């Protein structure tokens, strides 16, 4: 592990590249509001394990909030205004979500950020997210704002080709990663989440990933 991450303290930041950074502990003050909103979103749009176009069931359970929700099935990857499971529009982005995303983006150098989608991922111990690029958005310059809650995780941050070297970024409860602009299309992923018991969320990690789709 690089000593780049040897000291991580609340209200500090780690620069990953020119337009990518980790804001350590940035979401800690609003965790209660976020979790209340997540429960309300889940009641309207339950977590589910999506199927890839190739027929594989994704390890990570997910749901969405916002104007658009990310979907995957045999027809492909896409954003949709309607939840295919319920036939209704996705829950609106709560004010606490929008404020956190805008503040984190601003402090990472991206002013005026207004996301129109939030993917909410739920990781059980042992689940991972393979290296990938976020390519389904029309806007590929506006930042991704990724909020970690619950169990720790190791985020992989790579280059612009899958085979490029990756940096292993340890993430704790309340950390926020922001990447956009010239770094927006970097490959990234999550190593298998290690077993553990978080004092608030138990045996799980939740990840809010804000996007600007249109």
Protein backbone atom coordinates (compact mmCIF):
# COMPACT_ATOMS: atom_id res chain seq x y z
CA UNK A 1 0.00 0.00 0.00
CA UNK A 2 1.37 3.39 -0.94
CA UNK A 3 2.25 5.76 1.90
CA UNK A 4 0.12 8.28 0.00
CA UNK A 5 -2.70 7.08 2.24
CA UNK A 6 -0.73 6.52 5.45
CA UNK A 7 -2.43 9.42 7.22
CA UNK A 8 -6.13 9.91 6.63
CA UNK A 9 -7.87 12.37 8.89
CA UNK A 10 -11.25 13.96 8.79
CA UNK A 11 -11.31 17.21 6.80
CA UNK A 12 -8.15 16.30 4.88
CA UNK A 13 -7.86 15.34 1.24
CA UNK A 14 -5.72 13.07 -0.90
CA UNK A 15 -5.10 14.12 -4.50
CA UNK A 16 -5.30 11.12 -6.83
CA UNK A 17 -4.59 13.01 -10.06
CA UNK A 18 -5.09 16.47 -11.55
CA UNK A 19 -8.89 16.44 -11.26
CA UNK A 20 -9.52 13.57 -8.84
CA UNK A 21 -9.31 13.48 -5.05
CA UNK A 22 -10.53 11.85 -1.85
CA UNK A 23 -12.24 14.11 0.70
CA UNK A 24 -11.73 12.20 3.94
CA UNK A 25 -14.68 12.11 6.34
CA UNK A 26 -16.52 14.68 4.22
CA UNK A 27 -19.98 13.10 4.64
CA UNK A 28 -19.78 12.29 8.36
CA UNK A 29 -21.87 15.26 9.49
CA UNK A 30 -24.81 14.27 7.27
CA UNK A 31 -24.77 10.47 7.67
CA UNK A 32 -28.04 10.35 9.63
CA UNK A 33 -29.88 12.35 6.96
CA UNK A 34 -28.41 10.23 4.18
CA UNK A 35 -29.45 6.96 5.82
CA UNK A 36 -32.97 8.24 6.46
CA UNK A 37 -33.25 9.21 2.80
CA UNK A 38 -31.82 5.87 1.64
CA UNK A 39 -34.47 4.00 3.64
CA UNK A 40 -37.20 6.09 2.01
CA UNK A 41 -35.76 5.49 -1.46
CA UNK A 42 -35.51 1.74 -0.82
CA UNK A 43 -39.17 1.63 0.26
CA UNK A 44 -40.18 3.09 -3.11
CA UNK A 45 -37.51 1.47 -5.33
CA UNK A 46 -36.17 -1.68 -3.62
CA UNK A 47 -32.58 -2.86 -3.98
CA UNK A 48 -32.15 -5.49 -6.68
CA UNK A 49 -29.39 -7.50 -8.37
CA UNK A 50 -29.34 -6.50 -12.03
CA UNK A 51 -28.53 -8.83 -14.90
CA UNK A 52 -25.82 -7.93 -17.43
CA UNK A 53 -26.48 -8.10 -21.19
CA UNK A 54 -24.53 -11.37 -21.12
CA UNK A 55 -26.88 -12.88 -18.54
CA UNK A 56 -24.68 -12.64 -15.45
CA UNK A 57 -26.23 -11.52 -12.15
CA UNK A 58 -24.35 -8.59 -10.64
CA UNK A 59 -22.87 -9.14 -7.18
CA UNK A 60 -23.71 -5.66 -5.93
CA UNK A 61 -27.35 -4.87 -5.15
CA UNK A 62 -28.51 -1.46 -6.29
CA UNK A 63 -31.28 1.08 -6.67
CA UNK A 64 -31.50 4.67 -7.96
CA UNK A 65 -32.77 8.14 -7.20
CA UNK A 66 -33.08 11.14 -9.49
CA UNK A 67 -34.48 11.99 -12.90
CA UNK A 68 -32.63 9.00 -14.35
CA UNK A 69 -31.83 5.56 -13.00
CA UNK A 70 -29.13 3.25 -14.31
CA UNK A 71 -30.48 -0.07 -15.58
CA UNK A 72 -29.03 -3.27 -16.99
CA UNK A 73 -30.68 -6.31 -18.53
CA UNK A 74 -30.46 -8.44 -21.67
CA UNK A 75 -31.14 -5.30 -23.76
CA UNK A 76 -27.99 -3.58 -22.49
CA UNK A 77 -26.81 -0.86 -20.13
CA UNK A 78 -28.75 2.41 -20.12
CA UNK A 79 -30.41 5.16 -18.10
CA UNK A 80 -34.19 5.22 -17.80
CA UNK A 81 -36.62 7.66 -16.24
CA UNK A 82 -38.82 4.77 -15.05
CA UNK A 83 -37.96 1.97 -12.67
CA UNK A 84 -38.56 -1.19 -14.72
CA UNK A 85 -39.35 -3.13 -11.54
CA UNK A 86 -42.17 -0.85 -10.35
CA UNK A 87 -43.20 0.93 -13.55
CA UNK A 88 -42.99 4.30 -11.78
CA UNK A 89 -40.50 7.15 -11.86
CA UNK A 90 -37.44 6.87 -9.66
CA UNK A 91 -37.61 8.68 -6.30
CA UNK A 92 -36.45 12.28 -6.47
CA UNK A 93 -32.99 13.22 -5.24
CA UNK A 94 -33.40 14.36 -1.61
CA UNK A 95 -32.10 17.81 -0.63
CA UNK A 96 -29.39 16.28 1.59
CA UNK A 97 -28.10 14.26 -1.39
CA UNK A 98 -28.02 17.29 -3.68
CA UNK A 99 -26.31 19.52 -1.11
CA UNK A 100 -23.61 16.96 -0.30
CA UNK A 101 -22.88 16.28 -3.97
CA UNK A 102 -22.72 19.98 -4.84
CA UNK A 103 -20.49 20.83 -1.86
CA UNK A 104 -18.08 17.94 -2.48
CA UNK A 105 -17.84 18.77 -6.18
CA UNK A 106 -17.20 22.45 -5.41
CA UNK A 107 -14.46 21.64 -2.92
CA UNK A 108 -12.86 19.33 -5.49
CA UNK A 109 -12.83 22.14 -8.07
CA UNK A 110 -16.15 21.65 -9.88
CA UNK A 111 -18.50 24.56 -9.19
CA UNK A 112 -22.21 24.50 -9.97
CA UNK A 113 -22.60 20.72 -9.96
CA UNK A 114 -26.21 19.52 -10.13
CA UNK A 115 -26.47 15.74 -10.59
CA UNK A 116 -29.55 14.19 -12.15
CA UNK A 117 -28.91 10.59 -11.02
CA UNK A 118 -27.65 8.78 -7.95
CA UNK A 119 -26.82 5.08 -8.07
CA UNK A 120 -27.05 3.51 -4.62
CA UNK A 121 -24.97 0.35 -4.36
CA UNK A 122 -25.09 -2.15 -1.49
CA UNK A 123 -22.04 -4.36 -0.97
CA UNK A 124 -22.10 -7.46 1.22
CA UNK A 125 -18.76 -8.87 2.43
CA UNK A 126 -16.98 -10.55 -0.46
CA UNK A 127 -18.67 -8.54 -3.21
CA UNK A 128 -16.62 -6.46 -5.62
CA UNK A 129 -16.97 -4.16 -8.62
CA UNK A 130 -14.83 -4.93 -11.65
CA UNK A 131 -12.72 -2.26 -13.34
CA UNK A 132 -14.88 -0.21 -15.68
CA UNK A 133 -15.47 3.25 -17.13
CA UNK A 134 -18.73 5.14 -16.62
CA UNK A 135 -19.67 5.49 -20.28
CA UNK A 136 -23.48 5.60 -20.31
CA UNK A 137 -23.78 9.30 -19.48
CA UNK A 138 -24.07 11.95 -22.22
CA UNK A 139 -22.02 14.28 -20.03
CA UNK A 140 -18.51 12.82 -19.69
CA UNK A 141 -16.89 15.91 -18.19
CA UNK A 142 -19.02 16.65 -15.11
CA UNK A 143 -17.63 14.83 -12.08
CA UNK A 144 -18.60 11.57 -10.48
CA UNK A 145 -19.14 12.07 -6.74
CA UNK A 146 -18.89 8.80 -4.80
CA UNK A 147 -19.83 8.58 -1.09
CA UNK A 148 -18.75 5.63 1.08
CA UNK A 149 -20.85 4.49 4.06
CA UNK A 150 -20.46 1.46 6.31
CA UNK A 151 -17.71 -1.12 5.98
CA UNK A 152 -14.31 -0.01 4.65
CA UNK A 153 -13.44 -0.71 1.02
CA UNK A 154 -10.47 -0.51 -1.31
CA UNK A 155 -11.21 1.63 -4.36
CA UNK A 156 -9.16 0.98 -7.50
CA UNK A 157 -8.34 4.09 -9.51
CA UNK A 158 -6.66 3.46 -12.85
CA UNK A 159 -5.87 5.03 -16.19
CA UNK A 160 -7.69 5.36 -19.48
CA UNK A 161 -7.10 1.74 -20.54
CA UNK A 162 -8.14 -1.31 -18.54
CA UNK A 163 -4.58 -2.61 -18.45
CA UNK A 164 -3.15 0.60 -16.97
CA UNK A 165 -1.71 0.46 -13.47
CA UNK A 166 -4.20 1.12 -10.67
CA UNK A 167 -3.79 2.84 -7.32
CA UNK A 168 -5.39 1.15 -4.31
CA UNK A 169 -7.33 3.77 -2.35
CA UNK A 170 -8.57 2.75 1.14
CA UNK A 171 -11.98 4.27 1.85
CA UNK A 172 -13.62 4.66 5.24
CA UNK A 173 -17.15 5.50 6.38
CA UNK A 174 -17.88 9.09 5.32
CA UNK A 175 -15.16 9.43 2.68
CA UNK A 176 -16.07 11.03 -0.66
CA UNK A 177 -14.19 10.49 -3.93
CA UNK A 178 -14.59 13.04 -6.74
CA UNK A 179 -13.22 12.70 -10.26
CA UNK A 180 -14.13 14.61 -13.41
CA UNK A 181 -12.85 16.82 -16.21
CA UNK A 182 -9.72 15.32 -17.74
CA UNK A 183 -9.91 12.39 -15.30
CA UNK A 184 -13.60 11.62 -15.82
CA UNK A 185 -13.05 8.55 -18.03
CA UNK A 186 -10.53 6.74 -15.86
CA UNK A 187 -11.12 3.08 -15.12
CA UNK A 188 -12.13 2.33 -11.53
CA UNK A 189 -13.49 -0.48 -9.39
CA UNK A 190 -13.73 -1.91 -5.87
CA UNK A 191 -11.84 -4.88 -4.44
CA UNK A 192 -13.87 -7.52 -2.54
CA UNK A 193 -15.22 -5.97 0.65
CA UNK A 194 -13.68 -7.63 3.69
CA UNK A 195 -15.92 -9.19 6.36
CA UNK A 196 -16.65 -6.90 9.26
CA UNK A 197 -19.31 -5.28 11.41
CA UNK A 198 -19.82 -1.56 11.10
CA UNK A 199 -21.26 0.11 14.19
CA UNK A 200 -24.07 1.77 12.22
CA UNK A 201 -24.60 -0.29 9.07
CA UNK A 202 -23.58 -3.74 10.24
CA UNK A 203 -22.26 -6.16 7.63
CA UNK A 204 -22.58 -3.96 4.58
CA UNK A 205 -21.16 -1.06 2.66
CA UNK A 206 -23.38 1.51 0.95
CA UNK A 207 -22.10 3.69 -1.87
CA UNK A 208 -23.85 6.73 -3.31
CA UNK A 209 -22.59 7.55 -6.80
CA UNK A 210 -23.81 10.87 -8.19
CA UNK A 211 -23.81 11.40 -11.96
CA UNK A 212 -24.70 14.08 -14.49
CA UNK A 213 -26.42 12.10 -17.24
CA UNK A 214 -27.73 14.87 -19.52
